[in-house]
């Protein structure tokens, strides 16, 4: 199993990149949404990969973080969703947007991906609902809540507590997590300040 490939970004195409390492160029299929976040050709990149083995081909699928790769793995674990379909979904919806769509049961958003009908989108939501957590989409650093300081005596950081409070007020997990993410939380903000900013965003829904 190839966990990741680190090397020079040699080439970009519409749906893949070529990364050169130790004289070998690896073609890696990536989501369209990831292409804009890649550096210019000639720069060093590190891409986390999944190797799909078929009778007629060995295809590498790549992502810029382990969290994105995990989302891809969860998608291909859904019946009827193969690697190409999963890549198509992550090209239309970035991982955080997909998590929000799953938490808020937004099948229409997922069905925007090529080759994904409403029934398949609903199956994805059903299968992933218990695997996707609201706090996974909160951190701007893409590492859950580890980067957020925890208040003394609290069970989690201010972002997590704000989401839980919004859910208690009747908002769905997806709505709450999306609003807190938009609140641009800083390390010195209290839960009350996070809630006030998040509620301003929810008032425009």
N, C-alpha and C. Protein backbone atom coordinates (compact mmCIF):
# COMPACT_ATOMS: atom_id res chain seq x y z
N UNK A 1 0.84 -1.20 0.00
CA UNK A 1 0.00 0.00 0.00
C UNK A 1 0.88 1.25 0.00
N UNK A 2 0.57 2.20 -0.86
CA UNK A 2 1.30 3.47 -0.92
C UNK A 2 0.55 4.48 -0.08
N UNK A 3 1.13 4.90 1.05
CA UNK A 3 0.45 5.82 1.96
C UNK A 3 0.44 7.24 1.42
N UNK A 4 1.58 7.69 0.92
CA UNK A 4 1.64 9.03 0.30
C UNK A 4 2.84 9.08 -0.63
N UNK A 5 2.82 10.08 -1.52
CA UNK A 5 3.93 10.31 -2.43
C UNK A 5 4.39 11.76 -2.27
N UNK A 6 5.67 11.94 -2.04
CA UNK A 6 6.25 13.28 -1.90
C UNK A 6 7.31 13.47 -2.97
N UNK A 7 7.19 14.55 -3.72
CA UNK A 7 8.16 14.80 -4.79
C UNK A 7 7.84 16.09 -5.51
N UNK A 8 8.41 16.25 -6.69
CA UNK A 8 8.19 17.47 -7.48
C UNK A 8 6.90 17.33 -8.29
N UNK A 9 6.11 18.38 -8.28
CA UNK A 9 4.91 18.41 -9.10
C UNK A 9 5.35 18.68 -10.55
N UNK A 10 5.29 17.65 -11.37
CA UNK A 10 5.81 17.75 -12.73
C UNK A 10 4.76 18.24 -13.72
N UNK A 11 3.49 17.92 -13.46
CA UNK A 11 2.46 18.22 -14.46
C UNK A 11 1.08 18.24 -13.81
N UNK A 12 0.21 19.11 -14.35
CA UNK A 12 -1.20 19.14 -13.95
C UNK A 12 -2.06 18.94 -15.19
N UNK A 13 -3.12 18.15 -15.06
CA UNK A 13 -4.10 18.03 -16.14
C UNK A 13 -5.46 18.39 -15.55
N UNK A 14 -6.53 18.11 -16.29
CA UNK A 14 -7.86 18.48 -15.83
C UNK A 14 -8.31 17.67 -14.62
N UNK A 15 -7.81 16.45 -14.48
CA UNK A 15 -8.27 15.61 -13.37
C UNK A 15 -7.16 14.83 -12.68
N UNK A 16 -5.90 15.16 -13.00
CA UNK A 16 -4.80 14.42 -12.38
C UNK A 16 -3.54 15.27 -12.33
N UNK A 17 -2.56 14.74 -11.59
CA UNK A 17 -1.25 15.37 -11.53
C UNK A 17 -0.20 14.28 -11.73
N UNK A 18 0.99 14.70 -12.08
CA UNK A 18 2.13 13.78 -12.14
C UNK A 18 3.15 14.28 -11.13
N UNK A 19 3.49 13.40 -10.20
CA UNK A 19 4.49 13.73 -9.17
C UNK A 19 5.72 12.88 -9.42
N UNK A 20 6.87 13.55 -9.56
CA UNK A 20 8.12 12.84 -9.84
C UNK A 20 8.92 12.66 -8.56
N UNK A 21 9.30 11.41 -8.29
CA UNK A 21 10.14 11.13 -7.14
C UNK A 21 11.10 10.00 -7.50
N UNK A 22 12.37 10.20 -7.24
CA UNK A 22 13.42 9.23 -7.53
C UNK A 22 13.38 8.78 -9.00
N UNK A 23 13.16 9.73 -9.88
CA UNK A 23 13.19 9.46 -11.31
C UNK A 23 11.95 8.80 -11.88
N UNK A 24 10.92 8.61 -11.06
CA UNK A 24 9.67 7.99 -11.52
C UNK A 24 8.53 9.00 -11.42
N UNK A 25 7.73 9.10 -12.48
CA UNK A 25 6.59 10.01 -12.48
C UNK A 25 5.31 9.24 -12.21
N UNK A 26 4.62 9.58 -11.12
CA UNK A 26 3.38 8.89 -10.75
C UNK A 26 2.19 9.75 -11.15
N UNK A 27 1.29 9.17 -11.96
CA UNK A 27 0.05 9.87 -12.28
C UNK A 27 -0.95 9.60 -11.16
N UNK A 28 -1.49 10.68 -10.62
CA UNK A 28 -2.42 10.57 -9.49
C UNK A 28 -3.69 11.35 -9.83
N UNK A 29 -4.82 10.68 -9.79
CA UNK A 29 -6.10 11.34 -10.03
C UNK A 29 -6.52 12.08 -8.75
N UNK A 30 -6.88 13.36 -8.91
CA UNK A 30 -7.23 14.19 -7.76
C UNK A 30 -8.56 14.89 -8.01
N UNK A 31 -9.26 15.31 -6.95
CA UNK A 31 -10.49 16.08 -7.14
C UNK A 31 -10.18 17.41 -7.83
N UNK A 32 -11.09 17.87 -8.66
CA UNK A 32 -10.90 19.16 -9.33
C UNK A 32 -10.70 20.27 -8.31
N UNK A 33 -11.42 20.16 -7.18
CA UNK A 33 -11.33 21.18 -6.14
C UNK A 33 -9.93 21.28 -5.53
N UNK A 34 -9.15 20.22 -5.63
CA UNK A 34 -7.79 20.23 -5.06
C UNK A 34 -6.77 20.86 -5.99
N UNK A 35 -7.06 20.89 -7.28
CA UNK A 35 -6.08 21.39 -8.24
C UNK A 35 -5.68 22.84 -7.97
N UNK A 36 -6.67 23.66 -7.59
CA UNK A 36 -6.39 25.07 -7.36
C UNK A 36 -5.55 25.30 -6.11
N UNK A 37 -5.50 24.31 -5.22
CA UNK A 37 -4.74 24.46 -3.99
C UNK A 37 -3.32 23.92 -4.11
N UNK A 38 -3.02 23.36 -5.26
CA UNK A 38 -1.67 22.83 -5.47
C UNK A 38 -0.73 23.95 -5.90
N UNK A 39 0.56 23.83 -5.58
CA UNK A 39 1.53 24.84 -6.00
C UNK A 39 1.83 24.74 -7.50
N UNK A 40 2.68 25.60 -7.98
CA UNK A 40 3.05 25.59 -9.39
C UNK A 40 3.95 24.40 -9.68
N UNK A 41 4.00 24.02 -10.94
CA UNK A 41 4.87 22.92 -11.37
C UNK A 41 6.31 23.22 -10.96
N UNK A 42 7.00 22.18 -10.50
CA UNK A 42 8.37 22.34 -10.04
C UNK A 42 8.50 22.47 -8.54
N UNK A 43 7.36 22.70 -7.86
CA UNK A 43 7.37 22.79 -6.41
C UNK A 43 7.20 21.39 -5.80
N UNK A 44 7.61 21.25 -4.55
CA UNK A 44 7.46 19.97 -3.84
C UNK A 44 6.05 19.83 -3.29
N UNK A 45 5.48 18.65 -3.46
CA UNK A 45 4.14 18.38 -2.94
C UNK A 45 4.14 17.05 -2.19
N UNK A 46 3.19 16.91 -1.29
CA UNK A 46 2.97 15.65 -0.59
C UNK A 46 1.50 15.30 -0.75
N UNK A 47 1.23 14.16 -1.40
CA UNK A 47 -0.15 13.77 -1.69
C UNK A 47 -0.42 12.41 -1.07
N UNK A 48 -1.48 12.35 -0.27
CA UNK A 48 -1.89 11.10 0.36
C UNK A 48 -2.70 10.30 -0.65
N UNK A 49 -2.39 9.03 -0.77
CA UNK A 49 -2.91 8.26 -1.90
C UNK A 49 -3.70 7.01 -1.51
N UNK A 50 -4.55 6.62 -2.44
CA UNK A 50 -5.27 5.36 -2.37
C UNK A 50 -5.02 4.63 -3.68
N UNK A 51 -4.56 3.39 -3.60
CA UNK A 51 -4.27 2.59 -4.80
C UNK A 51 -5.47 1.68 -5.09
N UNK A 52 -6.10 1.91 -6.24
CA UNK A 52 -7.23 1.07 -6.65
C UNK A 52 -6.74 0.03 -7.65
N UNK A 53 -6.87 -1.24 -7.27
CA UNK A 53 -6.37 -2.34 -8.10
C UNK A 53 -7.52 -2.95 -8.89
N UNK A 54 -7.38 -2.96 -10.22
CA UNK A 54 -8.34 -3.61 -11.10
C UNK A 54 -7.60 -4.58 -12.00
N UNK A 55 -8.37 -5.43 -12.68
CA UNK A 55 -7.73 -6.41 -13.56
C UNK A 55 -6.95 -5.75 -14.68
N UNK A 56 -7.46 -4.59 -15.15
CA UNK A 56 -6.84 -3.94 -16.31
C UNK A 56 -6.08 -2.66 -15.97
N UNK A 57 -6.02 -2.29 -14.69
CA UNK A 57 -5.35 -1.03 -14.36
C UNK A 57 -5.03 -0.94 -12.87
N UNK A 58 -4.00 -0.14 -12.58
CA UNK A 58 -3.67 0.26 -11.22
C UNK A 58 -3.76 1.78 -11.18
N UNK A 59 -4.74 2.31 -10.47
CA UNK A 59 -4.96 3.76 -10.45
C UNK A 59 -4.71 4.32 -9.06
N UNK A 60 -3.97 5.43 -9.03
CA UNK A 60 -3.73 6.13 -7.78
C UNK A 60 -4.68 7.32 -7.67
N UNK A 61 -5.33 7.46 -6.52
CA UNK A 61 -6.19 8.62 -6.24
C UNK A 61 -5.55 9.38 -5.08
N UNK A 62 -5.45 10.69 -5.22
CA UNK A 62 -4.70 11.45 -4.23
C UNK A 62 -5.44 12.62 -3.63
N UNK A 63 -4.99 12.99 -2.40
CA UNK A 63 -5.63 14.05 -1.63
C UNK A 63 -4.58 14.82 -0.84
N UNK A 64 -4.91 16.05 -0.48
CA UNK A 64 -3.92 16.91 0.15
C UNK A 64 -3.84 16.73 1.66
N UNK A 65 -4.75 15.98 2.25
CA UNK A 65 -4.70 15.70 3.69
C UNK A 65 -5.24 14.31 3.96
N UNK A 66 -4.88 13.78 5.11
CA UNK A 66 -5.39 12.46 5.50
C UNK A 66 -6.90 12.51 5.75
N UNK A 67 -7.40 13.68 6.22
CA UNK A 67 -8.83 13.81 6.45
C UNK A 67 -9.61 13.68 5.14
N UNK A 68 -9.07 14.29 4.07
CA UNK A 68 -9.72 14.20 2.76
C UNK A 68 -9.68 12.77 2.24
N UNK A 69 -8.55 12.10 2.46
CA UNK A 69 -8.42 10.70 2.05
C UNK A 69 -9.41 9.82 2.82
N UNK A 70 -9.57 10.09 4.11
CA UNK A 70 -10.52 9.34 4.91
C UNK A 70 -11.95 9.51 4.38
N UNK A 71 -12.28 10.74 3.96
CA UNK A 71 -13.61 11.00 3.40
C UNK A 71 -13.81 10.19 2.12
N UNK A 72 -12.78 10.11 1.29
CA UNK A 72 -12.82 9.31 0.07
C UNK A 72 -13.04 7.83 0.40
N UNK A 73 -12.30 7.33 1.39
CA UNK A 73 -12.45 5.93 1.80
C UNK A 73 -13.87 5.64 2.29
N UNK A 74 -14.44 6.58 3.01
CA UNK A 74 -15.81 6.40 3.49
C UNK A 74 -16.79 6.35 2.32
N UNK A 75 -16.57 7.18 1.32
CA UNK A 75 -17.45 7.21 0.16
C UNK A 75 -17.41 5.89 -0.62
N UNK A 76 -16.21 5.38 -0.86
CA UNK A 76 -16.13 4.15 -1.66
C UNK A 76 -16.60 2.93 -0.87
N UNK A 77 -16.81 3.12 0.43
CA UNK A 77 -17.37 2.05 1.23
C UNK A 77 -18.88 1.95 1.11
N UNK A 78 -19.49 2.95 0.45
CA UNK A 78 -20.94 2.95 0.23
C UNK A 78 -21.26 2.10 -1.00
N UNK A 79 -22.22 1.23 -0.90
CA UNK A 79 -22.60 0.37 -2.02
C UNK A 79 -22.98 1.21 -3.24
N UNK A 80 -22.38 0.89 -4.38
CA UNK A 80 -22.69 1.60 -5.62
C UNK A 80 -21.82 2.81 -5.89
N UNK A 81 -20.90 3.13 -4.97
CA UNK A 81 -20.01 4.28 -5.17
C UNK A 81 -18.58 3.78 -5.36
N UNK A 82 -18.07 3.91 -6.57
CA UNK A 82 -16.70 3.51 -6.87
C UNK A 82 -15.75 4.68 -6.75
N UNK A 83 -14.45 4.45 -6.96
CA UNK A 83 -13.45 5.52 -6.84
C UNK A 83 -13.72 6.72 -7.76
N UNK A 84 -14.12 6.47 -9.02
CA UNK A 84 -14.38 7.59 -9.93
C UNK A 84 -15.57 8.41 -9.48
N UNK A 85 -16.62 7.72 -9.01
CA UNK A 85 -17.80 8.44 -8.51
C UNK A 85 -17.45 9.25 -7.27
N UNK A 86 -16.67 8.64 -6.38
CA UNK A 86 -16.27 9.33 -5.16
C UNK A 86 -15.44 10.57 -5.48
N UNK A 87 -14.55 10.44 -6.46
CA UNK A 87 -13.73 11.58 -6.87
C UNK A 87 -14.60 12.67 -7.47
N UNK A 88 -15.63 12.26 -8.23
CA UNK A 88 -16.56 13.23 -8.81
C UNK A 88 -17.31 14.00 -7.74
N UNK A 89 -17.71 13.30 -6.68
CA UNK A 89 -18.41 13.96 -5.58
C UNK A 89 -17.50 14.98 -4.90
N UNK A 90 -16.25 14.58 -4.65
CA UNK A 90 -15.31 15.47 -3.97
C UNK A 90 -14.79 16.58 -4.89
N UNK A 91 -15.08 16.47 -6.19
CA UNK A 91 -14.76 17.55 -7.12
C UNK A 91 -15.83 18.63 -7.07
N UNK A 92 -17.07 18.21 -6.80
CA UNK A 92 -18.20 19.15 -6.71
C UNK A 92 -18.32 19.72 -5.31
N UNK A 93 -18.10 18.88 -4.31
CA UNK A 93 -18.19 19.28 -2.91
C UNK A 93 -16.87 19.01 -2.21
N UNK A 94 -16.25 20.04 -1.68
CA UNK A 94 -15.05 19.80 -0.88
C UNK A 94 -15.45 19.01 0.36
N UNK A 95 -14.51 18.27 0.98
CA UNK A 95 -14.86 17.38 2.08
C UNK A 95 -15.72 18.00 3.18
N UNK A 96 -15.40 19.24 3.59
CA UNK A 96 -16.21 19.87 4.63
C UNK A 96 -17.65 20.11 4.15
N UNK A 97 -17.80 20.53 2.89
CA UNK A 97 -19.13 20.76 2.34
C UNK A 97 -19.91 19.44 2.24
N UNK A 98 -19.21 18.36 1.91
CA UNK A 98 -19.85 17.05 1.85
C UNK A 98 -20.29 16.62 3.25
N UNK A 99 -19.44 16.84 4.25
CA UNK A 99 -19.82 16.48 5.62
C UNK A 99 -21.07 17.24 6.05
N UNK A 100 -21.12 18.53 5.72
CA UNK A 100 -22.30 19.33 6.07
C UNK A 100 -23.53 18.80 5.34
N UNK A 101 -23.37 18.43 4.06
CA UNK A 101 -24.50 17.89 3.30
C UNK A 101 -25.00 16.59 3.92
N UNK A 102 -24.08 15.75 4.39
CA UNK A 102 -24.47 14.49 5.03
C UNK A 102 -25.21 14.76 6.33
N UNK A 103 -24.65 15.66 7.16
CA UNK A 103 -25.26 15.95 8.46
C UNK A 103 -26.62 16.61 8.33
N UNK A 104 -26.80 17.39 7.27
CA UNK A 104 -28.07 18.10 7.07
C UNK A 104 -29.00 17.37 6.11
N UNK A 105 -28.61 16.13 5.71
CA UNK A 105 -29.43 15.30 4.80
C UNK A 105 -29.75 16.01 3.49
N UNK A 106 -28.77 16.71 2.95
CA UNK A 106 -28.96 17.48 1.71
C UNK A 106 -28.59 16.60 0.51
N UNK A 107 -29.52 15.73 0.10
CA UNK A 107 -29.25 14.81 -1.01
C UNK A 107 -29.07 15.56 -2.33
N UNK A 108 -29.77 16.68 -2.50
CA UNK A 108 -29.67 17.44 -3.75
C UNK A 108 -28.26 17.96 -3.98
N UNK A 109 -27.59 18.38 -2.91
CA UNK A 109 -26.22 18.89 -3.06
C UNK A 109 -25.29 17.79 -3.53
N UNK A 110 -25.43 16.59 -2.95
CA UNK A 110 -24.58 15.47 -3.33
C UNK A 110 -24.90 15.00 -4.74
N UNK A 111 -26.18 15.07 -5.12
CA UNK A 111 -26.60 14.60 -6.45
C UNK A 111 -26.13 15.52 -7.57
N UNK A 112 -25.50 16.64 -7.24
CA UNK A 112 -24.94 17.51 -8.29
C UNK A 112 -23.71 16.88 -8.93
N UNK A 113 -23.13 15.91 -8.26
CA UNK A 113 -21.94 15.25 -8.81
C UNK A 113 -22.31 14.41 -10.02
N UNK A 114 -21.44 14.35 -11.03
CA UNK A 114 -21.75 13.58 -12.24
C UNK A 114 -21.96 12.11 -11.96
N UNK A 115 -23.05 11.56 -12.49
CA UNK A 115 -23.33 10.13 -12.33
C UNK A 115 -23.94 9.74 -11.00
N UNK A 116 -24.23 10.73 -10.16
CA UNK A 116 -24.82 10.45 -8.84
C UNK A 116 -26.28 10.91 -8.84
N UNK A 117 -27.19 9.95 -8.73
CA UNK A 117 -28.61 10.28 -8.66
C UNK A 117 -29.04 10.53 -7.23
N UNK A 118 -30.29 10.93 -7.08
CA UNK A 118 -30.82 11.24 -5.75
C UNK A 118 -30.81 10.00 -4.85
N UNK A 119 -31.16 8.84 -5.42
CA UNK A 119 -31.20 7.61 -4.63
C UNK A 119 -29.81 7.26 -4.09
N UNK A 120 -28.80 7.40 -4.94
CA UNK A 120 -27.43 7.12 -4.48
C UNK A 120 -27.02 8.14 -3.42
N UNK A 121 -27.39 9.39 -3.63
CA UNK A 121 -27.07 10.44 -2.65
C UNK A 121 -27.72 10.13 -1.31
N UNK A 122 -28.95 9.67 -1.33
CA UNK A 122 -29.64 9.31 -0.09
C UNK A 122 -28.97 8.12 0.60
N UNK A 123 -28.46 7.18 -0.22
CA UNK A 123 -27.76 6.03 0.35
C UNK A 123 -26.46 6.48 1.02
N UNK A 124 -25.78 7.43 0.39
CA UNK A 124 -24.54 7.98 0.97
C UNK A 124 -24.84 8.62 2.32
N UNK A 125 -25.90 9.40 2.38
CA UNK A 125 -26.28 10.06 3.64
C UNK A 125 -26.60 9.03 4.71
N UNK A 126 -27.36 8.02 4.34
CA UNK A 126 -27.74 6.97 5.29
C UNK A 126 -26.53 6.23 5.83
N UNK A 127 -25.58 5.91 4.94
CA UNK A 127 -24.40 5.13 5.34
C UNK A 127 -23.40 5.96 6.16
N UNK A 128 -23.30 7.26 5.84
CA UNK A 128 -22.26 8.07 6.47
C UNK A 128 -22.74 8.89 7.65
N UNK A 129 -24.04 8.93 7.87
CA UNK A 129 -24.60 9.79 8.92
C UNK A 129 -23.96 9.54 10.28
N UNK A 130 -23.73 8.28 10.61
CA UNK A 130 -23.16 7.94 11.92
C UNK A 130 -21.63 8.02 11.93
N UNK A 131 -21.03 8.18 10.75
CA UNK A 131 -19.56 8.21 10.67
C UNK A 131 -19.01 9.63 10.63
N UNK A 132 -19.85 10.59 10.19
CA UNK A 132 -19.42 11.98 10.08
C UNK A 132 -19.83 12.72 11.35
N UNK A 133 -18.89 13.42 11.97
CA UNK A 133 -19.16 14.17 13.19
C UNK A 133 -19.10 15.66 12.91
N UNK A 134 -19.95 16.40 13.61
CA UNK A 134 -20.01 17.85 13.40
C UNK A 134 -18.66 18.51 13.67
N UNK A 135 -17.96 18.06 14.74
CA UNK A 135 -16.69 18.71 15.08
C UNK A 135 -15.60 18.50 14.04
N UNK A 136 -15.78 17.51 13.14
CA UNK A 136 -14.78 17.25 12.11
C UNK A 136 -14.66 18.41 11.12
N UNK A 137 -15.71 19.23 11.03
CA UNK A 137 -15.69 20.31 10.04
C UNK A 137 -15.45 21.67 10.66
N UNK A 138 -15.12 21.70 11.94
CA UNK A 138 -15.00 22.98 12.60
C UNK A 138 -13.63 23.63 12.49
N UNK A 139 -12.58 22.82 12.60
CA UNK A 139 -11.26 23.41 12.68
C UNK A 139 -10.78 23.95 11.35
N UNK A 140 -10.36 25.24 11.31
CA UNK A 140 -9.81 25.79 10.07
C UNK A 140 -8.48 25.17 9.70
N UNK A 141 -7.89 24.40 10.64
CA UNK A 141 -6.61 23.76 10.38
C UNK A 141 -6.79 22.33 9.91
N UNK A 142 -8.05 21.86 9.79
CA UNK A 142 -8.33 20.53 9.29
C UNK A 142 -7.89 19.41 10.21
N UNK A 143 -7.79 19.70 11.51
CA UNK A 143 -7.36 18.67 12.45
C UNK A 143 -8.32 18.60 13.63
N UNK A 144 -9.59 18.51 13.30
CA UNK A 144 -10.64 18.43 14.31
C UNK A 144 -10.51 19.58 15.28
N UNK A 145 -10.61 19.31 16.59
CA UNK A 145 -10.57 20.37 17.58
C UNK A 145 -9.26 20.43 18.33
N UNK A 146 -8.24 19.72 17.84
CA UNK A 146 -6.97 19.67 18.56
C UNK A 146 -6.31 21.04 18.66
N UNK A 147 -6.54 21.91 17.66
CA UNK A 147 -5.90 23.21 17.66
C UNK A 147 -6.66 24.22 18.49
N UNK A 148 -7.83 23.84 19.02
CA UNK A 148 -8.65 24.77 19.77
C UNK A 148 -8.43 24.56 21.26
N UNK A 149 -8.08 25.61 22.01
CA UNK A 149 -7.86 25.44 23.44
C UNK A 149 -9.14 25.05 24.15
N UNK A 150 -9.01 24.19 25.16
CA UNK A 150 -10.18 23.73 25.90
C UNK A 150 -10.32 24.54 27.17
N UNK A 151 -11.54 25.05 27.44
CA UNK A 151 -11.79 25.79 28.67
C UNK A 151 -11.67 24.87 29.87
N UNK A 152 -11.20 25.42 30.98
CA UNK A 152 -11.05 24.63 32.19
C UNK A 152 -12.41 24.10 32.63
N UNK A 153 -12.46 22.81 32.88
CA UNK A 153 -13.69 22.20 33.34
C UNK A 153 -14.68 21.90 32.25
N UNK A 154 -14.36 22.26 31.01
CA UNK A 154 -15.30 22.03 29.91
C UNK A 154 -14.98 20.70 29.27
N UNK A 155 -15.97 20.14 28.57
CA UNK A 155 -15.79 18.84 27.94
C UNK A 155 -15.21 18.96 26.55
N UNK A 156 -15.06 20.19 26.05
CA UNK A 156 -14.51 20.39 24.72
C UNK A 156 -14.23 21.85 24.49
N UNK A 157 -13.69 22.20 23.32
CA UNK A 157 -13.39 23.58 23.00
C UNK A 157 -14.65 24.40 22.78
N UNK A 158 -14.50 25.74 22.66
CA UNK A 158 -15.66 26.61 22.48
C UNK A 158 -16.45 26.31 21.21
N UNK A 159 -15.75 25.86 20.16
CA UNK A 159 -16.46 25.53 18.93
C UNK A 159 -17.41 24.36 19.14
N UNK A 160 -16.89 23.31 19.78
CA UNK A 160 -17.71 22.12 20.02
C UNK A 160 -18.90 22.45 20.91
N UNK A 161 -18.65 23.23 21.97
CA UNK A 161 -19.73 23.60 22.88
C UNK A 161 -20.78 24.45 22.17
N UNK A 162 -20.32 25.32 21.26
CA UNK A 162 -21.26 26.16 20.52
C UNK A 162 -22.16 25.32 19.62
N UNK A 163 -21.57 24.31 18.97
CA UNK A 163 -22.37 23.42 18.12
C UNK A 163 -23.40 22.68 18.96
N UNK A 164 -22.98 22.17 20.11
CA UNK A 164 -23.90 21.43 20.97
C UNK A 164 -25.04 22.32 21.45
N UNK A 165 -24.72 23.59 21.75
CA UNK A 165 -25.75 24.52 22.20
C UNK A 165 -26.75 24.82 21.09
N UNK A 166 -26.25 24.99 19.86
CA UNK A 166 -27.14 25.27 18.73
C UNK A 166 -28.04 24.08 18.42
N UNK A 167 -27.48 22.87 18.54
CA UNK A 167 -28.29 21.66 18.33
C UNK A 167 -29.39 21.59 19.39
N UNK A 168 -29.04 21.98 20.63
CA UNK A 168 -30.04 21.97 21.72
C UNK A 168 -31.14 22.99 21.46
N UNK A 169 -30.81 24.05 20.70
CA UNK A 169 -31.81 25.07 20.36
C UNK A 169 -32.72 24.64 19.21
N UNK A 170 -32.39 23.48 18.60
CA UNK A 170 -33.26 22.96 17.55
C UNK A 170 -32.67 22.97 16.15
N UNK A 171 -31.44 23.50 16.01
CA UNK A 171 -30.80 23.48 14.69
C UNK A 171 -30.23 22.09 14.44
N UNK A 172 -30.13 21.71 13.16
CA UNK A 172 -29.53 20.43 12.83
C UNK A 172 -28.03 20.50 13.05
N UNK A 173 -27.38 19.33 13.15
CA UNK A 173 -25.93 19.30 13.33
C UNK A 173 -25.21 19.99 12.17
N UNK A 174 -25.71 19.78 10.94
CA UNK A 174 -25.09 20.41 9.77
C UNK A 174 -25.20 21.92 9.80
N UNK A 175 -26.40 22.43 10.14
CA UNK A 175 -26.60 23.89 10.21
C UNK A 175 -25.71 24.49 11.29
N UNK A 176 -25.67 23.84 12.46
CA UNK A 176 -24.87 24.36 13.57
C UNK A 176 -23.39 24.38 13.23
N UNK A 177 -22.88 23.26 12.68
CA UNK A 177 -21.45 23.18 12.35
C UNK A 177 -21.08 24.19 11.26
N UNK A 178 -21.94 24.34 10.26
CA UNK A 178 -21.67 25.29 9.19
C UNK A 178 -21.63 26.72 9.69
N UNK A 179 -22.55 27.07 10.59
CA UNK A 179 -22.60 28.43 11.12
C UNK A 179 -21.38 28.74 11.99
N UNK A 180 -20.96 27.77 12.80
CA UNK A 180 -19.78 27.98 13.66
C UNK A 180 -18.53 28.10 12.80
N UNK A 181 -18.46 27.33 11.74
CA UNK A 181 -17.29 27.42 10.84
C UNK A 181 -17.20 28.82 10.22
N UNK A 182 -18.35 29.39 9.86
CA UNK A 182 -18.38 30.72 9.25
C UNK A 182 -18.06 31.82 10.26
N UNK A 183 -18.13 31.49 11.54
CA UNK A 183 -17.93 32.50 12.58
C UNK A 183 -16.48 32.94 12.73
N UNK A 184 -15.57 32.29 12.02
CA UNK A 184 -14.14 32.63 12.07
C UNK A 184 -13.64 32.71 13.52
N UNK A 185 -13.71 31.59 14.20
CA UNK A 185 -13.37 31.55 15.62
C UNK A 185 -11.87 31.75 15.84
N UNK A 186 -11.55 32.59 16.83
CA UNK A 186 -10.16 32.79 17.23
C UNK A 186 -9.94 32.15 18.60
N UNK A 187 -8.67 32.00 18.97
CA UNK A 187 -8.34 31.27 20.19
C UNK A 187 -8.86 31.95 21.46
N UNK A 188 -9.02 33.29 21.41
CA UNK A 188 -9.41 34.01 22.64
C UNK A 188 -10.93 34.21 22.76
N UNK A 189 -11.71 33.64 21.83
CA UNK A 189 -13.17 33.81 21.89
C UNK A 189 -13.79 32.86 22.89
N UNK A 190 -14.81 33.34 23.59
CA UNK A 190 -15.56 32.49 24.52
C UNK A 190 -16.68 31.78 23.76
N UNK A 191 -17.31 30.81 24.41
CA UNK A 191 -18.42 30.09 23.79
C UNK A 191 -19.55 31.06 23.45
N UNK A 192 -19.81 32.01 24.36
CA UNK A 192 -20.89 32.97 24.12
C UNK A 192 -20.62 33.82 22.88
N UNK A 193 -19.37 34.23 22.69
CA UNK A 193 -19.02 35.04 21.52
C UNK A 193 -19.16 34.22 20.23
N UNK A 194 -18.75 32.95 20.30
CA UNK A 194 -18.90 32.07 19.14
C UNK A 194 -20.38 31.91 18.79
N UNK A 195 -21.21 31.70 19.82
CA UNK A 195 -22.64 31.53 19.60
C UNK A 195 -23.27 32.76 18.95
N UNK A 196 -22.89 33.94 19.45
CA UNK A 196 -23.46 35.18 18.90
C UNK A 196 -23.14 35.31 17.41
N UNK A 197 -21.89 35.05 17.04
CA UNK A 197 -21.49 35.17 15.64
C UNK A 197 -22.17 34.10 14.79
N UNK A 198 -22.25 32.88 15.32
CA UNK A 198 -22.88 31.79 14.56
C UNK A 198 -24.35 32.06 14.33
N UNK A 199 -25.03 32.61 15.35
CA UNK A 199 -26.46 32.91 15.22
C UNK A 199 -26.73 33.99 14.18
N UNK A 200 -25.78 34.90 14.01
CA UNK A 200 -25.94 35.92 12.97
C UNK A 200 -25.98 35.26 11.59
N UNK A 201 -25.12 34.24 11.39
CA UNK A 201 -25.11 33.52 10.11
C UNK A 201 -26.39 32.71 9.94
N UNK A 202 -26.87 32.10 11.03
CA UNK A 202 -28.08 31.28 10.94
C UNK A 202 -29.30 32.14 10.64
N UNK A 203 -29.27 33.40 11.01
CA UNK A 203 -30.43 34.25 10.76
C UNK A 203 -30.62 34.53 9.28
N UNK A 204 -29.58 34.25 8.46
CA UNK A 204 -29.68 34.47 7.02
C UNK A 204 -30.05 33.22 6.27
N UNK A 205 -30.22 32.07 6.96
CA UNK A 205 -30.58 30.81 6.28
C UNK A 205 -31.99 30.87 5.74
